[in-house]
PDB file of N, CA and C in Angstrom:
ATOM      1  N   MET A   1     -19.031  32.775  -9.263  1.00  0.00           N
ATOM      2  CA  MET A   1     -18.304  31.535  -9.442  1.00  0.00           C
ATOM      3  C   MET A   1     -17.709  31.059  -8.111  1.00  0.00           C
ATOM      4  N   VAL A   2     -17.257  32.017  -7.299  1.00  0.00           N
ATOM      5  CA  VAL A   2     -16.707  31.654  -5.998  1.00  0.00           C
ATOM      6  C   VAL A   2     -17.786  31.023  -5.125  1.00  0.00           C
ATOM      7  N   GLN A   3     -18.972  31.610  -5.137  1.00  0.00           N
ATOM      8  CA  GLN A   3     -20.067  31.070  -4.339  1.00  0.00           C
ATOM      9  C   GLN A   3     -20.439  29.658  -4.812  1.00  0.00           C
ATOM     10  N   ALA A   4     -20.407  29.436  -6.113  1.00  0.00           N
ATOM     11  CA  ALA A   4     -20.697  28.104  -6.650  1.00  0.00           C
ATOM     12  C   ALA A   4     -19.645  27.098  -6.179  1.00  0.00           C
ATOM     13  N   GLU A   5     -18.376  27.512  -6.146  1.00  0.00           N
ATOM     14  CA  GLU A   5     -17.310  26.628  -5.677  1.00  0.00           C
ATOM     15  C   GLU A   5     -17.468  26.339  -4.184  1.00  0.00           C
ATOM     16  N   ILE A   6     -17.854  27.330  -3.401  1.00  0.00           N
ATOM     17  CA  ILE A   6     -18.083  27.119  -1.970  1.00  0.00           C
ATOM     18  C   ILE A   6     -19.211  26.119  -1.766  1.00  0.00           C
ATOM     19  N   ARG A   7     -20.298  26.257  -2.529  1.00  0.00           N
ATOM     20  CA  ARG A   7     -21.417  25.309  -2.434  1.00  0.00           C
ATOM     21  C   ARG A   7     -20.979  23.904  -2.839  1.00  0.00           C
ATOM     22  N   ARG A   8     -20.172  23.817  -3.895  1.00  0.00           N
ATOM     23  CA  ARG A   8     -19.688  22.510  -4.353  1.00  0.00           C
ATOM     24  C   ARG A   8     -18.866  21.834  -3.255  1.00  0.00           C
ATOM     25  N   ARG A   9     -17.983  22.579  -2.633  1.00  0.00           N
ATOM     26  CA  ARG A   9     -17.140  22.005  -1.589  1.00  0.00           C
ATOM     27  C   ARG A   9     -17.963  21.588  -0.379  1.00  0.00           C
ATOM     28  N   LYS A  10     -18.950  22.392  -0.012  1.00  0.00           N
ATOM     29  CA  LYS A  10     -19.826  22.020   1.106  1.00  0.00           C
ATOM     30  C   LYS A  10     -20.598  20.750   0.778  1.00  0.00           C
ATOM     31  N   GLY A  11     -21.011  20.606  -0.475  1.00  0.00           N
ATOM     32  CA  GLY A  11     -21.771  19.434  -0.902  1.00  0.00           C
ATOM     33  C   GLY A  11     -20.969  18.146  -0.875  1.00  0.00           C
ATOM     34  N   LEU A  12     -19.646  18.252  -0.828  1.00  0.00           N
ATOM     35  CA  LEU A  12     -18.806  17.063  -0.791  1.00  0.00           C
ATOM     36  C   LEU A  12     -18.923  16.338   0.546  1.00  0.00           C
ATOM     37  N   GLY A  13     -19.334  17.067   1.571  1.00  0.00           N
ATOM     38  CA  GLY A  13     -19.523  16.448   2.874  1.00  0.00           C
ATOM     39  C   GLY A  13     -18.237  16.154   3.616  1.00  0.00           C
ATOM     40  N   LYS A  14     -17.127  16.690   3.139  1.00  0.00           N
ATOM     41  CA  LYS A  14     -15.838  16.478   3.781  1.00  0.00           C
ATOM     42  C   LYS A  14     -15.145  17.825   3.902  1.00  0.00           C
ATOM     43  N   THR A  15     -14.179  17.911   4.791  1.00  0.00           N
ATOM     44  CA  THR A  15     -13.408  19.135   4.920  1.00  0.00           C
ATOM     45  C   THR A  15     -12.476  19.249   3.725  1.00  0.00           C
ATOM     46  N   TYR A  16     -12.540  20.375   3.054  1.00  0.00           N
ATOM     47  CA  TYR A  16     -11.727  20.607   1.865  1.00  0.00           C
ATOM     48  C   TYR A  16     -10.657  21.625   2.203  1.00  0.00           C
ATOM     49  N   SER A  17      -9.434  21.387   1.772  1.00  0.00           N
ATOM     50  CA  SER A  17      -8.347  22.329   1.992  1.00  0.00           C
ATOM     51  C   SER A  17      -7.528  22.430   0.721  1.00  0.00           C
ATOM     52  N   GLY A  18      -7.229  23.618   0.329  1.00  0.00           N
ATOM     53  CA  GLY A  18      -6.379  23.831  -0.832  1.00  0.00           C
ATOM     54  C   GLY A  18      -5.059  24.443  -0.428  1.00  0.00           C
ATOM     55  N   ASN A  19      -4.583  24.111   0.785  1.00  0.00           N
ATOM     56  CA  ASN A  19      -3.356  24.716   1.307  1.00  0.00           C
ATOM     57  C   ASN A  19      -2.120  24.336   0.509  1.00  0.00           C
ATOM     58  N   THR A  20      -2.083  23.131  -0.017  1.00  0.00           N
ATOM     59  CA  THR A  20      -0.956  22.711  -0.839  1.00  0.00           C
ATOM     60  C   THR A  20      -1.501  22.155  -2.153  1.00  0.00           C
ATOM     61  N   VAL A  21      -0.639  21.957  -3.096  1.00  0.00           N
ATOM     62  CA  VAL A  21      -1.074  21.544  -4.429  1.00  0.00           C
ATOM     63  C   VAL A  21      -1.774  20.186  -4.433  1.00  0.00           C
ATOM     64  N   PHE A  22      -1.405  19.297  -3.504  1.00  0.00           N
ATOM     65  CA  PHE A  22      -2.001  17.966  -3.483  1.00  0.00           C
ATOM     66  C   PHE A  22      -3.089  17.811  -2.412  1.00  0.00           C
ATOM     67  N   ALA A  23      -3.246  18.810  -1.544  1.00  0.00           N
ATOM     68  CA  ALA A  23      -4.245  18.712  -0.473  1.00  0.00           C
ATOM     69  C   ALA A  23      -5.635  18.581  -1.079  1.00  0.00           C
ATOM     70  N   SER A  24      -6.416  17.693  -0.527  1.00  0.00           N
ATOM     71  CA  SER A  24      -7.803  17.448  -0.938  1.00  0.00           C
ATOM     72  C   SER A  24      -7.924  16.955  -2.379  1.00  0.00           C
ATOM     73  N   LYS A  25      -6.853  16.435  -2.925  1.00  0.00           N
ATOM     74  CA  LYS A  25      -6.899  15.850  -4.272  1.00  0.00           C
ATOM     75  C   LYS A  25      -6.851  14.324  -4.202  1.00  0.00           C
ATOM     76  N   ILE A  26      -6.354  13.799  -3.078  1.00  0.00           N
ATOM     77  CA  ILE A  26      -6.228  12.360  -2.889  1.00  0.00           C
ATOM     78  C   ILE A  26      -7.310  11.927  -1.902  1.00  0.00           C
ATOM     79  N   ILE A  27      -8.023  10.884  -2.258  1.00  0.00           N
ATOM     80  CA  ILE A  27      -9.116  10.397  -1.414  1.00  0.00           C
ATOM     81  C   ILE A  27      -8.782   8.989  -0.957  1.00  0.00           C
ATOM     82  N   GLY A  28      -8.903   8.770   0.355  1.00  0.00           N
ATOM     83  CA  GLY A  28      -8.593   7.467   0.930  1.00  0.00           C
ATOM     84  C   GLY A  28      -9.608   6.415   0.535  1.00  0.00           C
ATOM     85  N   GLY A  29      -9.144   5.190   0.360  1.00  0.00           N
ATOM     86  CA  GLY A  29     -10.008   4.104  -0.061  1.00  0.00           C
ATOM     87  C   GLY A  29     -10.808   3.475   1.063  1.00  0.00           C
ATOM     88  N   ASP A  30     -10.405   3.697   2.310  1.00  0.00           N
ATOM     89  CA  ASP A  30     -11.096   3.076   3.439  1.00  0.00           C
ATOM     90  C   ASP A  30     -12.354   3.860   3.829  1.00  0.00           C
ATOM     91  N   CYS A  31     -12.177   5.146   4.137  1.00  0.00           N
ATOM     92  CA  CYS A  31     -13.325   5.926   4.618  1.00  0.00           C
ATOM     93  C   CYS A  31     -13.782   6.992   3.624  1.00  0.00           C
ATOM     94  N   GLY A  32     -13.009   7.206   2.561  1.00  0.00           N
ATOM     95  CA  GLY A  32     -13.384   8.208   1.568  1.00  0.00           C
ATOM     96  C   GLY A  32     -13.006   9.623   1.953  1.00  0.00           C
ATOM     97  N   GLY A  33     -12.204   9.780   3.011  1.00  0.00           N
ATOM     98  CA  GLY A  33     -11.776  11.110   3.443  1.00  0.00           C
ATOM     99  C   GLY A  33     -10.633  11.634   2.590  1.00  0.00           C
ATOM    100  N   TYR A  34     -10.495  12.960   2.587  1.00  0.00           N
ATOM    101  CA  TYR A  34      -9.389  13.585   1.864  1.00  0.00           C
ATOM    102  C   TYR A  34      -8.067  13.355   2.585  1.00  0.00           C
ATOM    103  N   TYR A  35      -7.018  13.225   1.817  1.00  0.00           N
ATOM    104  CA  TYR A  35      -5.669  13.194   2.372  1.00  0.00           C
ATOM    105  C   TYR A  35      -5.180  14.627   2.504  1.00  0.00           C
ATOM    106  N   GLY A  36      -4.392  14.870   3.527  1.00  0.00           N
ATOM    107  CA  GLY A  36      -3.805  16.188   3.727  1.00  0.00           C
ATOM    108  C   GLY A  36      -2.376  16.041   4.215  1.00  0.00           C
ATOM    109  N   PRO A  37      -1.590  17.109   4.083  1.00  0.00           N
ATOM    110  CA  PRO A  37      -0.182  17.035   4.496  1.00  0.00           C
ATOM    111  C   PRO A  37      -0.040  17.104   6.008  1.00  0.00           C
ATOM    112  N   LYS A  38       0.906  16.340   6.517  1.00  0.00           N
ATOM    113  CA  LYS A  38       1.276  16.356   7.929  1.00  0.00           C
ATOM    114  C   LYS A  38       2.799  16.351   7.969  1.00  0.00           C
ATOM    115  N   VAL A  39       3.363  17.016   8.957  1.00  0.00           N
ATOM    116  CA  VAL A  39       4.819  17.074   9.076  1.00  0.00           C
ATOM    117  C   VAL A  39       5.262  16.186  10.230  1.00  0.00           C
ATOM    118  N   TRP A  40       6.170  15.275   9.921  1.00  0.00           N
ATOM    119  CA  TRP A  40       6.771  14.426  10.949  1.00  0.00           C
ATOM    120  C   TRP A  40       8.139  15.008  11.289  1.00  0.00           C
ATOM    121  N   HIS A  41       8.512  14.980  12.539  1.00  0.00           N
ATOM    122  CA  HIS A  41       9.823  15.464  12.999  1.00  0.00           C
ATOM    123  C   HIS A  41      10.075  16.893  12.513  1.00  0.00           C
ATOM    124  N   SER A  42       9.146  17.778  12.795  1.00  0.00           N
ATOM    125  CA  SER A  42       9.213  19.131  12.240  1.00  0.00           C
ATOM    126  C   SER A  42      10.429  19.933  12.672  1.00  0.00           C
ATOM    127  N   THR A  43      11.026  19.587  13.782  1.00  0.00           N
ATOM    128  CA  THR A  43      12.127  20.407  14.285  1.00  0.00           C
ATOM    129  C   THR A  43      13.484  19.714  14.272  1.00  0.00           C
ATOM    130  N   ASP A  44      13.590  18.563  13.628  1.00  0.00           N
ATOM    131  CA  ASP A  44      14.899  17.907  13.611  1.00  0.00           C
ATOM    132  C   ASP A  44      15.290  17.474  12.197  1.00  0.00           C
ATOM    133  N   LYS A  45      16.424  16.826  12.091  1.00  0.00           N
ATOM    134  CA  LYS A  45      16.969  16.480  10.770  1.00  0.00           C
ATOM    135  C   LYS A  45      16.160  15.407  10.044  1.00  0.00           C
ATOM    136  N   TYR A  46      15.224  14.762  10.739  1.00  0.00           N
ATOM    137  CA  TYR A  46      14.406  13.712  10.129  1.00  0.00           C
ATOM    138  C   TYR A  46      13.081  14.251   9.583  1.00  0.00           C
ATOM    139  N   ARG A  47      12.975  15.562   9.468  1.00  0.00           N
ATOM    140  CA  ARG A  47      11.733  16.200   9.013  1.00  0.00           C
ATOM    141  C   ARG A  47      11.272  15.589   7.703  1.00  0.00           C
ATOM    142  N   LYS A  48       9.974  15.291   7.647  1.00  0.00           N
ATOM    143  CA  LYS A  48       9.404  14.682   6.447  1.00  0.00           C
ATOM    144  C   LYS A  48       7.942  15.093   6.328  1.00  0.00           C
ATOM    145  N   VAL A  49       7.504  15.411   5.110  1.00  0.00           N
ATOM    146  CA  VAL A  49       6.094  15.717   4.863  1.00  0.00           C
ATOM    147  C   VAL A  49       5.434  14.456   4.328  1.00  0.00           C
ATOM    148  N   ILE A  50       4.389  14.047   5.007  1.00  0.00           N
ATOM    149  CA  ILE A  50       3.622  12.884   4.568  1.00  0.00           C
ATOM    150  C   ILE A  50       2.173  13.331   4.361  1.00  0.00           C
ATOM    151  N   TYR A  51       1.437  12.546   3.622  1.00  0.00           N
ATOM    152  CA  TYR A  51       0.001  12.779   3.452  1.00  0.00           C
ATOM    153  C   TYR A  51      -0.726  11.592   4.063  1.00  0.00           C
ATOM    154  N   ARG A  52      -1.776  11.894   4.820  1.00  0.00           N
ATOM    155  CA  ARG A  52      -2.611  10.844   5.391  1.00  0.00           C
ATOM    156  C   ARG A  52      -4.043  11.341   5.409  1.00  0.00           C
ATOM    157  N   CYS A  53      -4.945  10.404   5.599  1.00  0.00           N
ATOM    158  CA  CYS A  53      -6.365  10.732   5.643  1.00  0.00           C
ATOM    159  C   CYS A  53      -6.612  11.721   6.778  1.00  0.00           C
ATOM    160  N   ASN A  54      -7.284  12.824   6.468  1.00  0.00           N
ATOM    161  CA  ASN A  54      -7.595  13.814   7.491  1.00  0.00           C
ATOM    162  C   ASN A  54      -8.542  13.273   8.552  1.00  0.00           C
ATOM    163  N   ALA A  55      -9.280  12.212   8.238  1.00  0.00           N
ATOM    164  CA  ALA A  55     -10.238  11.639   9.185  1.00  0.00           C
ATOM    165  C   ALA A  55      -9.658  10.432   9.927  1.00  0.00           C
ATOM    166  N   LYS A  56      -8.352  10.189   9.798  1.00  0.00           N
ATOM    167  CA  LYS A  56      -7.739   8.991  10.372  1.00  0.00           C
ATOM    168  C   LYS A  56      -7.989   8.876  11.873  1.00  0.00           C
ATOM    169  N   TYR A  57      -7.938   9.974  12.577  1.00  0.00           N
ATOM    170  CA  TYR A  57      -8.115   9.944  14.029  1.00  0.00           C
ATOM    171  C   TYR A  57      -9.338  10.752  14.455  1.00  0.00           C
ATOM    172  N   LYS A  58     -10.335  10.797  13.606  1.00  0.00           N
ATOM    173  CA  LYS A  58     -11.550  11.554  13.919  1.00  0.00           C
ATOM    174  C   LYS A  58     -12.247  10.919  15.115  1.00  0.00           C
ATOM    175  N   GLU A  59     -12.560  11.751  16.077  1.00  0.00           N
ATOM    176  CA  GLU A  59     -13.179  11.269  17.306  1.00  0.00           C
ATOM    177  C   GLU A  59     -14.556  10.668  17.034  1.00  0.00           C
ATOM    178  N   GLY A  60     -14.813   9.549  17.672  1.00  0.00           N
ATOM    179  CA  GLY A  60     -16.117   8.903  17.552  1.00  0.00           C
ATOM    180  C   GLY A  60     -16.286   8.047  16.310  1.00  0.00           C
ATOM    181  N   GLU A  61     -15.268   7.931  15.492  1.00  0.00           N
ATOM    182  CA  GLU A  61     -15.332   7.143  14.257  1.00  0.00           C
ATOM    183  C   GLU A  61     -14.277   6.039  14.327  1.00  0.00           C
ATOM    184  N   PRO A  62     -14.493   4.929  13.632  1.00  0.00           N
ATOM    185  CA  PRO A  62     -13.434   3.909  13.581  1.00  0.00           C
ATOM    186  C   PRO A  62     -12.199   4.482  12.893  1.00  0.00           C
ATOM    187  N   LYS A  63     -11.038   4.063  13.344  1.00  0.00           N
ATOM    188  CA  LYS A  63      -9.784   4.570  12.775  1.00  0.00           C
ATOM    189  C   LYS A  63      -9.667   4.170  11.307  1.00  0.00           C
ATOM    190  N   CYS A  64      -9.413   5.153  10.453  1.00  0.00           N
ATOM    191  CA  CYS A  64      -9.227   4.908   9.025  1.00  0.00           C
ATOM    192  C   CYS A  64      -7.948   4.092   8.830  1.00  0.00           C
ATOM    193  N   LYS A  65      -8.018   3.092   7.967  1.00  0.00           N
ATOM    194  CA  LYS A  65      -6.888   2.180   7.784  1.00  0.00           C
ATOM    195  C   LYS A  65      -6.025   2.496   6.553  1.00  0.00           C
ATOM    196  N   THR A  66      -6.318   3.578   5.855  1.00  0.00           N
ATOM    197  CA  THR A  66      -5.509   3.896   4.677  1.00  0.00           C
ATOM    198  C   THR A  66      -4.094   4.273   5.110  1.00  0.00           C
ATOM    199  N   PRO A  67      -3.091   3.876   4.341  1.00  0.00           N
ATOM    200  CA  PRO A  67      -1.702   4.161   4.726  1.00  0.00           C
ATOM    201  C   PRO A  67      -1.310   5.608   4.428  1.00  0.00           C
ATOM    202  N   THR A  68      -0.224   6.022   5.034  1.00  0.00           N
ATOM    203  CA  THR A  68       0.328   7.337   4.718  1.00  0.00           C
ATOM    204  C   THR A  68       1.124   7.233   3.416  1.00  0.00           C
ATOM    205  N   ILE A  69       1.291   8.377   2.770  1.00  0.00           N
ATOM    206  CA  ILE A  69       2.064   8.446   1.528  1.00  0.00           C
ATOM    207  C   ILE A  69       3.036   9.608   1.683  1.00  0.00           C
ATOM    208  N   THR A  70       4.279   9.401   1.291  1.00  0.00           N
ATOM    209  CA  THR A  70       5.237  10.508   1.382  1.00  0.00           C
ATOM    210  C   THR A  70       4.988  11.496   0.251  1.00  0.00           C
ATOM    211  N   GLU A  71       5.352  12.724   0.513  1.00  0.00           N
ATOM    212  CA  GLU A  71       5.196  13.755  -0.510  1.00  0.00           C
ATOM    213  C   GLU A  71       6.040  13.422  -1.744  1.00  0.00           C
ATOM    214  N   GLU A  72       7.202  12.822  -1.520  1.00  0.00           N
ATOM    215  CA  GLU A  72       8.072  12.438  -2.641  1.00  0.00           C
ATOM    216  C   GLU A  72       7.381  11.407  -3.539  1.00  0.00           C
ATOM    217  N   ASP A  73       6.689  10.436  -2.922  1.00  0.00           N
ATOM    218  CA  ASP A  73       5.973   9.419  -3.702  1.00  0.00           C
ATOM    219  C   ASP A  73       4.835  10.042  -4.507  1.00  0.00           C
ATOM    220  N   ILE A  74       4.144  11.003  -3.915  1.00  0.00           N
ATOM    221  CA  ILE A  74       3.049  11.675  -4.626  1.00  0.00           C
ATOM    222  C   ILE A  74       3.599  12.458  -5.808  1.00  0.00           C
ATOM    223  N   LYS A  75       4.672  13.186  -5.585  1.00  0.00           N
ATOM    224  CA  LYS A  75       5.281  13.972  -6.667  1.00  0.00           C
ATOM    225  C   LYS A  75       5.759  13.056  -7.795  1.00  0.00           C
ATOM    226  N   SER A  76       6.369  11.939  -7.422  1.00  0.00           N
ATOM    227  CA  SER A  76       6.863  10.985  -8.415  1.00  0.00           C
ATOM    228  C   SER A  76       5.704  10.413  -9.243  1.00  0.00           C
ATOM    229  N   ALA A  77       4.613  10.044  -8.580  1.00  0.00           N
ATOM    230  CA  ALA A  77       3.446   9.508  -9.292  1.00  0.00           C
ATOM    231  C   ALA A  77       2.837  10.564 -10.208  1.00  0.00           C
ATOM    232  N   PHE A  78       2.808  11.811  -9.750  1.00  0.00           N
ATOM    233  CA  PHE A  78       2.275  12.896 -10.578  1.00  0.00           C
ATOM    234  C   PHE A  78       3.127  13.077 -11.839  1.00  0.00           C
ATOM    235  N   ILE A  79       4.429  13.076 -11.676  1.00  0.00           N
ATOM    236  CA  ILE A  79       5.332  13.243 -12.828  1.00  0.00           C
ATOM    237  C   ILE A  79       5.162  12.096 -13.815  1.00  0.00           C
ATOM    238  N   ARG A  80       5.033  10.867 -13.316  1.00  0.00           N
ATOM    239  CA  ARG A  80       4.818   9.710 -14.214  1.00  0.00           C
ATOM    240  C   ARG A  80       3.506   9.877 -14.984  1.00  0.00           C
ATOM    241  N   ALA A  81       2.451  10.281 -14.286  1.00  0.00           N
ATOM    242  CA  ALA A  81       1.149  10.474 -14.946  1.00  0.00           C
ATOM    243  C   ALA A  81       1.235  11.602 -15.971  1.00  0.00           C
ATOM    244  N   PHE A  82       1.882  12.694 -15.605  1.00  0.00           N
ATOM    245  CA  PHE A  82       2.033  13.824 -16.524  1.00  0.00           C
ATOM    246  C   PHE A  82       2.819  13.418 -17.764  1.00  0.00           C
ATOM    247  N   ASN A  83       3.898  12.683 -17.570  1.00  0.00           N
ATOM    248  CA  ASN A  83       4.708  12.243 -18.708  1.00  0.00           C
ATOM    249  C   ASN A  83       3.929  11.302 -19.617  1.00  0.00           C
ATOM    250  N   THR A  84       3.060  10.476 -19.044  1.00  0.00           N
ATOM    251  CA  THR A  84       2.210   9.606 -19.857  1.00  0.00           C
ATOM    252  C   THR A  84       1.290  10.453 -20.730  1.00  0.00           C
ATOM    253  N   LEU A  85       0.709  11.487 -20.126  1.00  0.00           N
ATOM    254  CA  LEU A  85      -0.147  12.390 -20.906  1.00  0.00           C
ATOM    255  C   LEU A  85       0.660  13.101 -21.986  1.00  0.00           C
ATOM    256  N   LYS A  86       1.868  13.510 -21.640  1.00  0.00           N
ATOM    257  CA  LYS A  86       2.715  14.224 -22.590  1.00  0.00           C
ATOM    258  C   LYS A  86       3.073  13.336 -23.777  1.00  0.00           C
ATOM    259  N   GLU A  87       3.320  12.054 -23.506  1.00  0.00           N
ATOM    260  CA  GLU A  87       3.656  11.113 -24.580  1.00  0.00           C
ATOM    261  C   GLU A  87       2.488  10.952 -25.549  1.00  0.00           C
ATOM    262  N   ASN A  88       1.277  11.057 -25.031  1.00  0.00           N
ATOM    263  CA  ASN A  88       0.072  10.903 -25.851  1.00  0.00           C
ATOM    264  C   ASN A  88      -0.594  12.254 -26.108  1.00  0.00           C
ATOM    265  N   LYS A  89       0.216  13.296 -26.184  1.00  0.00           N
ATOM    266  CA  LYS A  89      -0.283  14.664 -26.289  1.00  0.00           C
ATOM    267  C   LYS A  89      -1.230  14.861 -27.473  1.00  0.00           C
ATOM    268  N   GLU A  90      -0.860  14.388 -28.628  1.00  0.00           N
ATOM    269  CA  GLU A  90      -1.688  14.594 -29.822  1.00  0.00           C
ATOM    270  C   GLU A  90      -3.057  13.927 -29.669  1.00  0.00           C
ATOM    271  N   GLN A  91      -3.076  12.686 -29.178  1.00  0.00           N
ATOM    272  CA  GLN A  91      -4.336  11.980 -28.969  1.00  0.00           C
ATOM    273  C   GLN A  91      -5.173  12.688 -27.917  1.00  0.00           C
ATOM    274  N   LEU A  92      -4.528  13.137 -26.859  1.00  0.00           N
ATOM    275  CA  LEU A  92      -5.230  13.856 -25.796  1.00  0.00           C
ATOM    276  C   LEU A  92      -5.855  15.145 -26.322  1.00  0.00           C
ATOM    277  N   LEU A  93      -5.106  15.893 -27.110  1.00  0.00           N
ATOM    278  CA  LEU A  93      -5.630  17.137 -27.689  1.00  0.00           C
ATOM    279  C   LEU A  93      -6.788  16.857 -28.643  1.00  0.00           C
ATOM    280  N   ASP A  94      -6.646  15.805 -29.454  1.00  0.00           N
ATOM    281  CA  ASP A  94      -7.737  15.429 -30.362  1.00  0.00           C
ATOM    282  C   ASP A  94      -8.997  15.070 -29.574  1.00  0.00           C
ATOM    283  N   ASP A  95      -8.823  14.292 -28.501  1.00  0.00           N
ATOM    284  CA  ASP A  95      -9.966  13.907 -27.668  1.00  0.00           C
ATOM    285  C   ASP A  95     -10.617  15.131 -27.030  1.00  0.00           C
ATOM    286  N   CYS A  96      -9.802  16.041 -26.530  1.00  0.00           N
ATOM    287  CA  CYS A  96     -10.332  17.261 -25.897  1.00  0.00           C
ATOM    288  C   CYS A  96     -11.092  18.120 -26.914  1.00  0.00           C
ATOM    289  N   GLN A  97     -10.558  18.242 -28.114  1.00  0.00           N
ATOM    290  CA  GLN A  97     -11.239  19.018 -29.142  1.00  0.00           C
ATOM    291  C   GLN A  97     -12.560  18.357 -29.537  1.00  0.00           C
ATOM    292  N   TYR A  98     -12.575  17.040 -29.616  1.00  0.00           N
ATOM    293  CA  TYR A  98     -13.811  16.322 -29.931  1.00  0.00           C
ATOM    294  C   TYR A  98     -14.854  16.547 -28.840  1.00  0.00           C
ATOM    295  N   ILE A  99     -14.438  16.408 -27.594  1.00  0.00           N
ATOM    296  CA  ILE A  99     -15.359  16.616 -26.473  1.00  0.00           C
ATOM    297  C   ILE A  99     -15.877  18.050 -26.473  1.00  0.00           C
ATOM    298  N   GLN A 100     -14.989  18.999 -26.691  1.00  0.00           N
ATOM    299  CA  GLN A 100     -15.395  20.405 -26.705  1.00  0.00           C
ATOM    300  C   GLN A 100     -16.391  20.670 -27.833  1.00  0.00           C
ATOM    301  N   SER A 101     -16.133  20.135 -29.003  1.00  0.00           N
ATOM    302  CA  SER A 101     -17.048  20.381 -30.122  1.00  0.00           C
ATOM    303  C   SER A 101     -18.381  19.679 -29.916  1.00  0.00           C
ATOM    304  N   THR A 102     -18.333  18.487 -29.312  1.00  0.00           N
ATOM    305  CA  THR A 102     -19.560  17.731 -29.067  1.00  0.00           C
ATOM    306  C   THR A 102     -20.408  18.389 -27.983  1.00  0.00           C
ATOM    307  N   LEU A 103     -19.787  18.691 -26.866  1.00  0.00           N
ATOM    308  CA  LEU A 103     -20.529  19.284 -25.753  1.00  0.00           C
ATOM    309  C   LEU A 103     -20.829  20.760 -25.976  1.00  0.00           C
ATOM    310  N   GLY A 104     -20.003  21.413 -26.778  1.00  0.00           N
ATOM    311  CA  GLY A 104     -20.192  22.836 -27.019  1.00  0.00           C
ATOM    312  C   GLY A 104     -21.116  23.145 -28.179  1.00  0.00           C
ATOM    313  N   ASP A 105     -21.592  22.120 -28.873  1.00  0.00           N
ATOM    314  CA  ASP A 105     -22.483  22.343 -30.007  1.00  0.00           C
ATOM    315  C   ASP A 105     -23.893  22.619 -29.485  1.00  0.00           C
ATOM    316  N   THR A 106     -24.285  23.880 -29.565  1.00  0.00           N
ATOM    317  CA  THR A 106     -25.594  24.281 -29.046  1.00  0.00           C
ATOM    318  C   THR A 106     -26.617  24.511 -30.154  1.00  0.00           C
ATOM    319  N   ALA A 107     -26.320  24.070 -31.346  1.00  0.00           N
ATOM    320  CA  ALA A 107     -27.219  24.322 -32.483  1.00  0.00           C
ATOM    321  C   ALA A 107     -28.618  23.768 -32.222  1.00  0.00           C
ATOM    322  N   LEU A 108     -28.717  22.552 -31.715  1.00  0.00           N
ATOM    323  CA  LEU A 108     -30.014  21.946 -31.445  1.00  0.00           C
ATOM    324  C   LEU A 108     -30.774  22.729 -30.375  1.00  0.00           C
ATOM    325  N   ILE A 109     -30.094  23.090 -29.298  1.00  0.00           N
ATOM    326  CA  ILE A 109     -30.736  23.866 -28.226  1.00  0.00           C
ATOM    327  C   ILE A 109     -31.164  25.233 -28.747  1.00  0.00           C
ATOM    328  N   ASP A 110     -30.302  25.879 -29.525  1.00  0.00           N
ATOM    329  CA  ASP A 110     -30.638  27.183 -30.094  1.00  0.00           C
ATOM    330  C   ASP A 110     -31.887  27.092 -30.984  1.00  0.00           C
ATOM    331  N   ALA A 111     -31.953  26.042 -31.793  1.00  0.00           N
ATOM    332  CA  ALA A 111     -33.109  25.848 -32.662  1.00  0.00           C
ATOM    333  C   ALA A 111     -34.388  25.624 -31.848  1.00  0.00           C
ATOM    334  N   GLN A 112     -34.288  24.836 -30.783  1.00  0.00           N
ATOM    335  CA  GLN A 112     -35.461  24.603 -29.927  1.00  0.00           C
ATOM    336  C   GLN A 112     -35.924  25.896 -29.248  1.00  0.00           C
ATOM    337  N   LEU A 113     -34.982  26.672 -28.780  1.00  0.00           N
ATOM    338  CA  LEU A 113     -35.323  27.953 -28.152  1.00  0.00           C
ATOM    339  C   LEU A 113     -35.982  28.899 -29.155  1.00  0.00           C
ATOM    340  N   LYS A 114     -35.430  28.928 -30.370  1.00  0.00           N
ATOM    341  CA  LYS A 114     -35.963  29.796 -31.387  1.00  0.00           C
ATOM    342  C   LYS A 114     -37.408  29.395 -31.745  1.00  0.00           C
ATOM    343  N   SER A 115     -37.641  28.093 -31.889  1.00  0.00           N
ATOM    344  CA  SER A 115     -38.993  27.640 -32.235  1.00  0.00           C
ATOM    345  C   SER A 115     -39.961  27.857 -31.063  1.00  0.00           C
ATOM    346  N   ALA A 116     -39.491  27.804 -29.844  1.00  0.00           N
ATOM    347  CA  ALA A 116     -40.356  28.057 -28.687  1.00  0.00           C
ATOM    348  C   ALA A 116     -40.750  29.517 -28.589  1.00  0.00           C
ATOM    349  N   ILE A 117     -39.859  30.399 -29.005  1.00  0.00           N
ATOM    350  CA  ILE A 117     -40.146  31.841 -28.962  1.00  0.00           C
ATOM    351  C   ILE A 117     -41.129  32.228 -30.068  1.00  0.00           C
ATOM    352  N   GLU A 118     -41.006  31.593 -31.221  1.00  0.00           N
ATOM    353  CA  GLU A 118     -41.833  31.975 -32.381  1.00  0.00           C
ATOM    354  C   GLU A 118     -43.227  31.498 -32.274  1.00  0.00           C
TER     355      GLU A 118
END
């Protein structure tokens, strides 16, 4: 499974990092690069973690124009999205169970395999 995940990440064609919970989860709209965390003012009282496109200053490429996002804004958006899902928990669970039963129903495939063997 690990090897499959490594192949999947290589197939994305971008540098993937799972260093933080939000790293490589946000994709910029300008160049399609992953956003990653960067620290501004790392040694003073104005320290702030922001996320920006990892390819923003890639050498030999046009500068990516996607804006930076603060970690606080990302966390806030995540909480809003999570709470929306939580409010619709029953519908979400019903949908997941339907998808699981639909995609997990192997009766037709099993029957085809059985008839091919016989």
